PDB file of N, CA and C in Angstrom:
ATOM      1  N   UNK A   1       6.548  -1.503  55.191  1.00  0.00           N
ATOM      2  CA  UNK A   1       6.695  -0.463  54.186  1.00  0.00           C
ATOM      3  C   UNK A   1       6.090   0.816  54.761  1.00  0.00           C
ATOM      4  N   UNK A   2       6.920   1.849  54.817  1.00  0.00           N
ATOM      5  CA  UNK A   2       6.431   3.099  55.391  1.00  0.00           C
ATOM      6  C   UNK A   2       5.890   4.027  54.301  1.00  0.00           C
ATOM      7  N   UNK A   3       5.396   5.166  54.753  1.00  0.00           N
ATOM      8  CA  UNK A   3       4.760   6.116  53.842  1.00  0.00           C
ATOM      9  C   UNK A   3       5.736   6.647  52.784  1.00  0.00           C
ATOM     10  N   UNK A   4       6.984   6.816  53.181  1.00  0.00           N
ATOM     11  CA  UNK A   4       7.978   7.344  52.249  1.00  0.00           C
ATOM     12  C   UNK A   4       8.226   6.354  51.110  1.00  0.00           C
ATOM     13  N   UNK A   5       8.337   5.092  51.402  1.00  0.00           N
ATOM     14  CA  UNK A   5       8.543   4.068  50.377  1.00  0.00           C
ATOM     15  C   UNK A   5       7.347   3.984  49.430  1.00  0.00           C
ATOM     16  N   UNK A   6       6.163   4.048  50.020  1.00  0.00           N
ATOM     17  CA  UNK A   6       4.941   4.019  49.207  1.00  0.00           C
ATOM     18  C   UNK A   6       4.897   5.242  48.291  1.00  0.00           C
ATOM     19  N   UNK A   7       5.230   6.400  48.839  1.00  0.00           N
ATOM     20  CA  UNK A   7       5.229   7.627  48.058  1.00  0.00           C
ATOM     21  C   UNK A   7       6.249   7.535  46.911  1.00  0.00           C
ATOM     22  N   UNK A   8       7.434   6.998  47.201  1.00  0.00           N
ATOM     23  CA  UNK A   8       8.459   6.834  46.161  1.00  0.00           C
ATOM     24  C   UNK A   8       7.979   5.893  45.054  1.00  0.00           C
ATOM     25  N   UNK A   9       7.335   4.802  45.436  1.00  0.00           N
ATOM     26  CA  UNK A   9       6.828   3.855  44.440  1.00  0.00           C
ATOM     27  C   UNK A   9       5.732   4.493  43.584  1.00  0.00           C
ATOM     28  N   UNK A  10       4.860   5.266  44.220  1.00  0.00           N
ATOM     29  CA  UNK A  10       3.783   5.945  43.490  1.00  0.00           C
ATOM     30  C   UNK A  10       4.384   6.946  42.506  1.00  0.00           C
ATOM     31  N   UNK A  11       5.385   7.715  42.956  1.00  0.00           N
ATOM     32  CA  UNK A  11       6.035   8.683  42.062  1.00  0.00           C
ATOM     33  C   UNK A  11       6.716   7.974  40.891  1.00  0.00           C
ATOM     34  N   UNK A  12       7.344   6.840  41.173  1.00  0.00           N
ATOM     35  CA  UNK A  12       7.994   6.074  40.119  1.00  0.00           C
ATOM     36  C   UNK A  12       6.956   5.590  39.099  1.00  0.00           C
ATOM     37  N   UNK A  13       5.816   5.107  39.594  1.00  0.00           N
ATOM     38  CA  UNK A  13       4.747   4.646  38.700  1.00  0.00           C
ATOM     39  C   UNK A  13       4.178   5.800  37.867  1.00  0.00           C
ATOM     40  N   UNK A  14       4.070   6.992  38.459  1.00  0.00           N
ATOM     41  CA  UNK A  14       3.597   8.158  37.705  1.00  0.00           C
ATOM     42  C   UNK A  14       4.564   8.480  36.563  1.00  0.00           C
ATOM     43  N   UNK A  15       5.860   8.378  36.846  1.00  0.00           N
ATOM     44  CA  UNK A  15       6.862   8.620  35.803  1.00  0.00           C
ATOM     45  C   UNK A  15       6.754   7.606  34.676  1.00  0.00           C
ATOM     46  N   UNK A  16       6.576   6.343  35.047  1.00  0.00           N
ATOM     47  CA  UNK A  16       6.435   5.281  34.041  1.00  0.00           C
ATOM     48  C   UNK A  16       5.181   5.519  33.206  1.00  0.00           C
ATOM     49  N   UNK A  17       4.081   5.872  33.864  1.00  0.00           N
ATOM     50  CA  UNK A  17       2.829   6.139  33.141  1.00  0.00           C
ATOM     51  C   UNK A  17       2.996   7.323  32.192  1.00  0.00           C
ATOM     52  N   UNK A  18       3.705   8.358  32.634  1.00  0.00           N
ATOM     53  CA  UNK A  18       3.929   9.520  31.784  1.00  0.00           C
ATOM     54  C   UNK A  18       4.717   9.153  30.536  1.00  0.00           C
ATOM     55  N   UNK A  19       5.744   8.316  30.702  1.00  0.00           N
ATOM     56  CA  UNK A  19       6.522   7.879  29.540  1.00  0.00           C
ATOM     57  C   UNK A  19       5.677   7.028  28.604  1.00  0.00           C
ATOM     58  N   UNK A  20       4.818   6.196  29.189  1.00  0.00           N
ATOM     59  CA  UNK A  20       3.935   5.384  28.348  1.00  0.00           C
ATOM     60  C   UNK A  20       2.965   6.259  27.553  1.00  0.00           C
ATOM     61  N   UNK A  21       2.427   7.271  28.188  1.00  0.00           N
ATOM     62  CA  UNK A  21       1.513   8.179  27.493  1.00  0.00           C
ATOM     63  C   UNK A  21       2.239   8.898  26.357  1.00  0.00           C
ATOM     64  N   UNK A  22       3.472   9.311  26.596  1.00  0.00           N
ATOM     65  CA  UNK A  22       4.257   9.990  25.567  1.00  0.00           C
ATOM     66  C   UNK A  22       4.535   9.052  24.392  1.00  0.00           C
ATOM     67  N   UNK A  23       4.912   7.827  24.690  1.00  0.00           N
ATOM     68  CA  UNK A  23       5.173   6.855  23.626  1.00  0.00           C
ATOM     69  C   UNK A  23       3.900   6.559  22.840  1.00  0.00           C
ATOM     70  N   UNK A  24       2.771   6.478  23.517  1.00  0.00           N
ATOM     71  CA  UNK A  24       1.497   6.232  22.844  1.00  0.00           C
ATOM     72  C   UNK A  24       1.150   7.389  21.908  1.00  0.00           C
ATOM     73  N   UNK A  25       1.372   8.607  22.358  1.00  0.00           N
ATOM     74  CA  UNK A  25       1.105   9.763  21.512  1.00  0.00           C
ATOM     75  C   UNK A  25       2.025   9.748  20.288  1.00  0.00           C
ATOM     76  N   UNK A  26       3.294   9.367  20.481  1.00  0.00           N
ATOM     77  CA  UNK A  26       4.224   9.268  19.350  1.00  0.00           C
ATOM     78  C   UNK A  26       3.760   8.203  18.358  1.00  0.00           C
ATOM     79  N   UNK A  27       3.298   7.082  18.860  1.00  0.00           N
ATOM     80  CA  UNK A  27       2.811   6.013  17.986  1.00  0.00           C
ATOM     81  C   UNK A  27       1.563   6.438  17.215  1.00  0.00           C
ATOM     82  N   UNK A  28       0.685   7.169  17.869  1.00  0.00           N
ATOM     83  CA  UNK A  28      -0.517   7.645  17.184  1.00  0.00           C
ATOM     84  C   UNK A  28      -0.145   8.627  16.075  1.00  0.00           C
ATOM     85  N   UNK A  29       0.821   9.502  16.333  1.00  0.00           N
ATOM     86  CA  UNK A  29       1.284  10.424  15.303  1.00  0.00           C
ATOM     87  C   UNK A  29       1.916   9.680  14.136  1.00  0.00           C
ATOM     88  N   UNK A  30       2.693   8.655  14.456  1.00  0.00           N
ATOM     89  CA  UNK A  30       3.325   7.838  13.419  1.00  0.00           C
ATOM     90  C   UNK A  30       2.267   7.143  12.570  1.00  0.00           C
ATOM     91  N   UNK A  31       1.246   6.615  13.225  1.00  0.00           N
ATOM     92  CA  UNK A  31       0.173   5.928  12.500  1.00  0.00           C
ATOM     93  C   UNK A  31      -0.544   6.881  11.546  1.00  0.00           C
ATOM     94  N   UNK A  32      -0.846   8.089  12.007  1.00  0.00           N
ATOM     95  CA  UNK A  32      -1.512   9.068  11.149  1.00  0.00           C
ATOM     96  C   UNK A  32      -0.634   9.420   9.948  1.00  0.00           C
ATOM     97  N   UNK A  33       0.662   9.558  10.190  1.00  0.00           N
ATOM     98  CA  UNK A  33       1.599   9.871   9.109  1.00  0.00           C
ATOM     99  C   UNK A  33       1.643   8.724   8.098  1.00  0.00           C
ATOM    100  N   UNK A  34       1.684   7.492   8.578  1.00  0.00           N
ATOM    101  CA  UNK A  34       1.718   6.339   7.684  1.00  0.00           C
ATOM    102  C   UNK A  34       0.415   6.216   6.896  1.00  0.00           C
ATOM    103  N   UNK A  35      -0.708   6.510   7.531  1.00  0.00           N
ATOM    104  CA  UNK A  35      -1.990   6.470   6.821  1.00  0.00           C
ATOM    105  C   UNK A  35      -2.002   7.480   5.682  1.00  0.00           C
ATOM    106  N   UNK A  36      -1.404   8.657   5.909  1.00  0.00           N
ATOM    107  CA  UNK A  36      -1.311   9.656   4.850  1.00  0.00           C
ATOM    108  C   UNK A  36      -0.467   9.144   3.691  1.00  0.00           C
ATOM    109  N   UNK A  37       0.646   8.485   4.019  1.00  0.00           N
ATOM    110  CA  UNK A  37       1.499   7.932   2.966  1.00  0.00           C
ATOM    111  C   UNK A  37       0.770   6.826   2.206  1.00  0.00           C
ATOM    112  N   UNK A  38       0.012   6.024   2.918  1.00  0.00           N
ATOM    113  CA  UNK A  38      -0.736   4.952   2.259  1.00  0.00           C
ATOM    114  C   UNK A  38      -1.804   5.511   1.321  1.00  0.00           C
ATOM    115  N   UNK A  39      -2.435   6.598   1.715  1.00  0.00           N
ATOM    116  CA  UNK A  39      -3.429   7.230   0.842  1.00  0.00           C
ATOM    117  C   UNK A  39      -2.764   7.757  -0.429  1.00  0.00           C
ATOM    118  N   UNK A  40      -1.576   8.370  -0.276  1.00  0.00           N
ATOM    119  CA  UNK A  40      -0.852   8.860  -1.451  1.00  0.00           C
ATOM    120  C   UNK A  40      -0.462   7.704  -2.364  1.00  0.00           C
ATOM    121  N   UNK A  41       0.020   6.632  -1.777  1.00  0.00           N
ATOM    122  CA  UNK A  41       0.409   5.457  -2.555  1.00  0.00           C
ATOM    123  C   UNK A  41      -0.792   4.857  -3.268  1.00  0.00           C
ATOM    124  N   UNK A  42      -1.923   4.818  -2.594  1.00  0.00           N
ATOM    125  CA  UNK A  42      -3.155   4.292  -3.196  1.00  0.00           C
ATOM    126  C   UNK A  42      -3.577   5.144  -4.397  1.00  0.00           C
ATOM    127  N   UNK A  43      -3.453   6.455  -4.279  1.00  0.00           N
ATOM    128  CA  UNK A  43      -3.813   7.343  -5.388  1.00  0.00           C
ATOM    129  C   UNK A  43      -2.887   7.107  -6.582  1.00  0.00           C
ATOM    130  N   UNK A  44      -1.595   6.917  -6.319  1.00  0.00           N
ATOM    131  CA  UNK A  44      -0.647   6.647  -7.400  1.00  0.00           C
ATOM    132  C   UNK A  44      -0.946   5.313  -8.070  1.00  0.00           C
ATOM    133  N   UNK A  45      -1.289   4.318  -7.270  1.00  0.00           N
ATOM    134  CA  UNK A  45      -1.612   3.000  -7.827  1.00  0.00           C
ATOM    135  C   UNK A  45      -2.881   3.081  -8.681  1.00  0.00           C
ATOM    136  N   UNK A  46      -3.837   3.891  -8.272  1.00  0.00           N
ATOM    137  CA  UNK A  46      -5.057   4.077  -9.071  1.00  0.00           C
ATOM    138  C   UNK A  46      -4.729   4.694 -10.425  1.00  0.00           C
ATOM    139  N   UNK A  47      -3.805   5.662 -10.445  1.00  0.00           N
ATOM    140  CA  UNK A  47      -3.406   6.285 -11.715  1.00  0.00           C
ATOM    141  C   UNK A  47      -2.744   5.259 -12.635  1.00  0.00           C
ATOM    142  N   UNK A  48      -1.854   4.443 -12.071  1.00  0.00           N
ATOM    143  CA  UNK A  48      -1.188   3.408 -12.874  1.00  0.00           C
ATOM    144  C   UNK A  48      -2.207   2.411 -13.402  1.00  0.00           C
ATOM    145  N   UNK A  49      -3.140   2.032 -12.562  1.00  0.00           N
ATOM    146  CA  UNK A  49      -4.189   1.089 -12.965  1.00  0.00           C
ATOM    147  C   UNK A  49      -5.000   1.658 -14.132  1.00  0.00           C
ATOM    148  N   UNK A  50      -5.379   2.930 -14.035  1.00  0.00           N
ATOM    149  CA  UNK A  50      -6.154   3.559 -15.110  1.00  0.00           C
ATOM    150  C   UNK A  50      -5.341   3.656 -16.398  1.00  0.00           C
ATOM    151  N   UNK A  51      -4.038   3.936 -16.282  1.00  0.00           N
ATOM    152  CA  UNK A  51      -3.185   3.980 -17.475  1.00  0.00           C
ATOM    153  C   UNK A  51      -3.100   2.604 -18.122  1.00  0.00           C
ATOM    154  N   UNK A  52      -2.967   1.567 -17.309  1.00  0.00           N
ATOM    155  CA  UNK A  52      -2.905   0.209 -17.852  1.00  0.00           C
ATOM    156  C   UNK A  52      -4.219  -0.184 -18.517  1.00  0.00           C
ATOM    157  N   UNK A  53      -5.333   0.198 -17.921  1.00  0.00           N
ATOM    158  CA  UNK A  53      -6.628  -0.081 -18.549  1.00  0.00           C
ATOM    159  C   UNK A  53      -6.756   0.637 -19.882  1.00  0.00           C
ATOM    160  N   UNK A  54      -6.291   1.873 -19.949  1.00  0.00           N
ATOM    161  CA  UNK A  54      -6.327   2.623 -21.203  1.00  0.00           C
ATOM    162  C   UNK A  54      -5.457   1.964 -22.268  1.00  0.00           C
ATOM    163  N   UNK A  55      -4.261   1.507 -21.868  1.00  0.00           N
ATOM    164  CA  UNK A  55      -3.374   0.828 -22.815  1.00  0.00           C
ATOM    165  C   UNK A  55      -3.994  -0.484 -23.292  1.00  0.00           C
ATOM    166  N   UNK A  56      -4.620  -1.213 -22.389  1.00  0.00           N
ATOM    167  CA  UNK A  56      -5.266  -2.467 -22.761  1.00  0.00           C
ATOM    168  C   UNK A  56      -6.433  -2.217 -23.720  1.00  0.00           C
ATOM    169  N   UNK A  57      -7.218  -1.190 -23.454  1.00  0.00           N
ATOM    170  CA  UNK A  57      -8.334  -0.864 -24.339  1.00  0.00           C
ATOM    171  C   UNK A  57      -7.826  -0.469 -25.721  1.00  0.00           C
ATOM    172  N   UNK A  58      -6.750   0.316 -25.758  1.00  0.00           N
ATOM    173  CA  UNK A  58      -6.170   0.724 -27.044  1.00  0.00           C
ATOM    174  C   UNK A  58      -5.656  -0.483 -27.813  1.00  0.00           C
ATOM    175  N   UNK A  59      -4.947  -1.366 -27.124  1.00  0.00           N
ATOM    176  CA  UNK A  59      -4.426  -2.575 -27.761  1.00  0.00           C
ATOM    177  C   UNK A  59      -5.565  -3.447 -28.282  1.00  0.00           C
ATOM    178  N   UNK A  60      -6.599  -3.613 -27.484  1.00  0.00           N
ATOM    179  CA  UNK A  60      -7.730  -4.450 -27.889  1.00  0.00           C
ATOM    180  C   UNK A  60      -8.423  -3.865 -29.116  1.00  0.00           C
ATOM    181  N   UNK A  61      -8.634  -2.574 -29.122  1.00  0.00           N
ATOM    182  CA  UNK A  61      -9.270  -1.918 -30.264  1.00  0.00           C
ATOM    183  C   UNK A  61      -8.401  -2.045 -31.519  1.00  0.00           C
ATOM    184  N   UNK A  62      -7.104  -1.860 -31.368  1.00  0.00           N
ATOM    185  CA  UNK A  62      -6.200  -1.993 -32.516  1.00  0.00           C
ATOM    186  C   UNK A  62      -6.208  -3.431 -33.037  1.00  0.00           C
ATOM    187  N   UNK A  63      -6.254  -4.405 -32.153  1.00  0.00           N
ATOM    188  CA  UNK A  63      -6.296  -5.807 -32.560  1.00  0.00           C
ATOM    189  C   UNK A  63      -7.594  -6.112 -33.311  1.00  0.00           C
ATOM    190  N   UNK A  64      -8.705  -5.595 -32.821  1.00  0.00           N
ATOM    191  CA  UNK A  64      -9.998  -5.816 -33.493  1.00  0.00           C
ATOM    192  C   UNK A  64      -9.978  -5.191 -34.887  1.00  0.00           C
ATOM    193  N   UNK A  65      -9.461  -3.987 -34.999  1.00  0.00           N
ATOM    194  CA  UNK A  65      -9.380  -3.338 -36.312  1.00  0.00           C
ATOM    195  C   UNK A  65      -8.472  -4.127 -37.246  1.00  0.00           C
ATOM    196  N   UNK A  66      -7.343  -4.613 -36.733  1.00  0.00           N
ATOM    197  CA  UNK A  66      -6.426  -5.413 -37.549  1.00  0.00           C
ATOM    198  C   UNK A  66      -7.114  -6.683 -38.056  1.00  0.00           C
ATOM    199  N   UNK A  67      -7.823  -7.365 -37.166  1.00  0.00           N
ATOM    200  CA  UNK A  67      -8.505  -8.612 -37.556  1.00  0.00           C
ATOM    201  C   UNK A  67      -9.587  -8.325 -38.586  1.00  0.00           C
ATOM    202  N   UNK A  68     -10.362  -7.262 -38.370  1.00  0.00           N
ATOM    203  CA  UNK A  68     -11.396  -6.908 -39.337  1.00  0.00           C
ATOM    204  C   UNK A  68     -10.811  -6.561 -40.697  1.00  0.00           C
ATOM    205  N   UNK A  69      -9.718  -5.842 -40.711  1.00  0.00           N
ATOM    206  CA  UNK A  69      -9.044  -5.521 -41.981  1.00  0.00           C
ATOM    207  C   UNK A  69      -8.501  -6.785 -42.646  1.00  0.00           C
ATOM    208  N   UNK A  70      -7.941  -7.660 -41.856  1.00  0.00           N
ATOM    209  CA  UNK A  70      -7.387  -8.904 -42.387  1.00  0.00           C
ATOM    210  C   UNK A  70      -8.481  -9.785 -42.986  1.00  0.00           C
ATOM    211  N   UNK A  71      -9.602  -9.911 -42.261  1.00  0.00           N
ATOM    212  CA  UNK A  71     -10.704 -10.736 -42.747  1.00  0.00           C
ATOM    213  C   UNK A  71     -11.418 -10.091 -43.932  1.00  0.00           C
ATOM    214  N   UNK A  72     -11.429  -8.784 -43.988  1.00  0.00           N
ATOM    215  CA  UNK A  72     -12.115  -8.076 -45.065  1.00  0.00           C
ATOM    216  C   UNK A  72     -11.240  -7.865 -46.284  1.00  0.00           C
ATOM    217  N   UNK A  73     -10.032  -8.346 -46.269  1.00  0.00           N
ATOM    218  CA  UNK A  73      -9.153  -8.199 -47.415  1.00  0.00           C
ATOM    219  C   UNK A  73      -8.394  -6.886 -47.429  1.00  0.00           C
ATOM    220  N   UNK A  74      -8.382  -6.209 -46.333  1.00  0.00           N
ATOM    221  CA  UNK A  74      -7.617  -4.957 -46.272  1.00  0.00           C
ATOM    222  C   UNK A  74      -8.423  -3.771 -46.741  1.00  0.00           C
ATOM    223  N   UNK A  75      -7.827  -2.622 -46.622  1.00  0.00           N
ATOM    224  CA  UNK A  75      -8.496  -1.388 -47.015  1.00  0.00           C
ATOM    225  C   UNK A  75      -8.128  -1.076 -48.468  1.00  0.00           C
ATOM    226  N   UNK A  76      -9.126  -0.764 -49.281  1.00  0.00           N
ATOM    227  CA  UNK A  76      -8.874  -0.351 -50.638  1.00  0.00           C
ATOM    228  C   UNK A  76      -9.022  -1.437 -51.578  1.00  0.00           C
TER     229      UNK A  76
END
């Protein structure tokens, strides 16, 4: 193997490494973008969770009032 062949192989490896670095940078950008989407989704899920808790609390309070009225013979 002469110097020219070695030089060609080294240049080829540099090209491959450059493409790998570019793909890695693209993947890192994609990951950051997905993390942002996941944070947005998490915030939306928190809002839904809080709405469901509020609805459950309202239902529970209404049920307690209904039972108390029923056991007390109603209002009036």
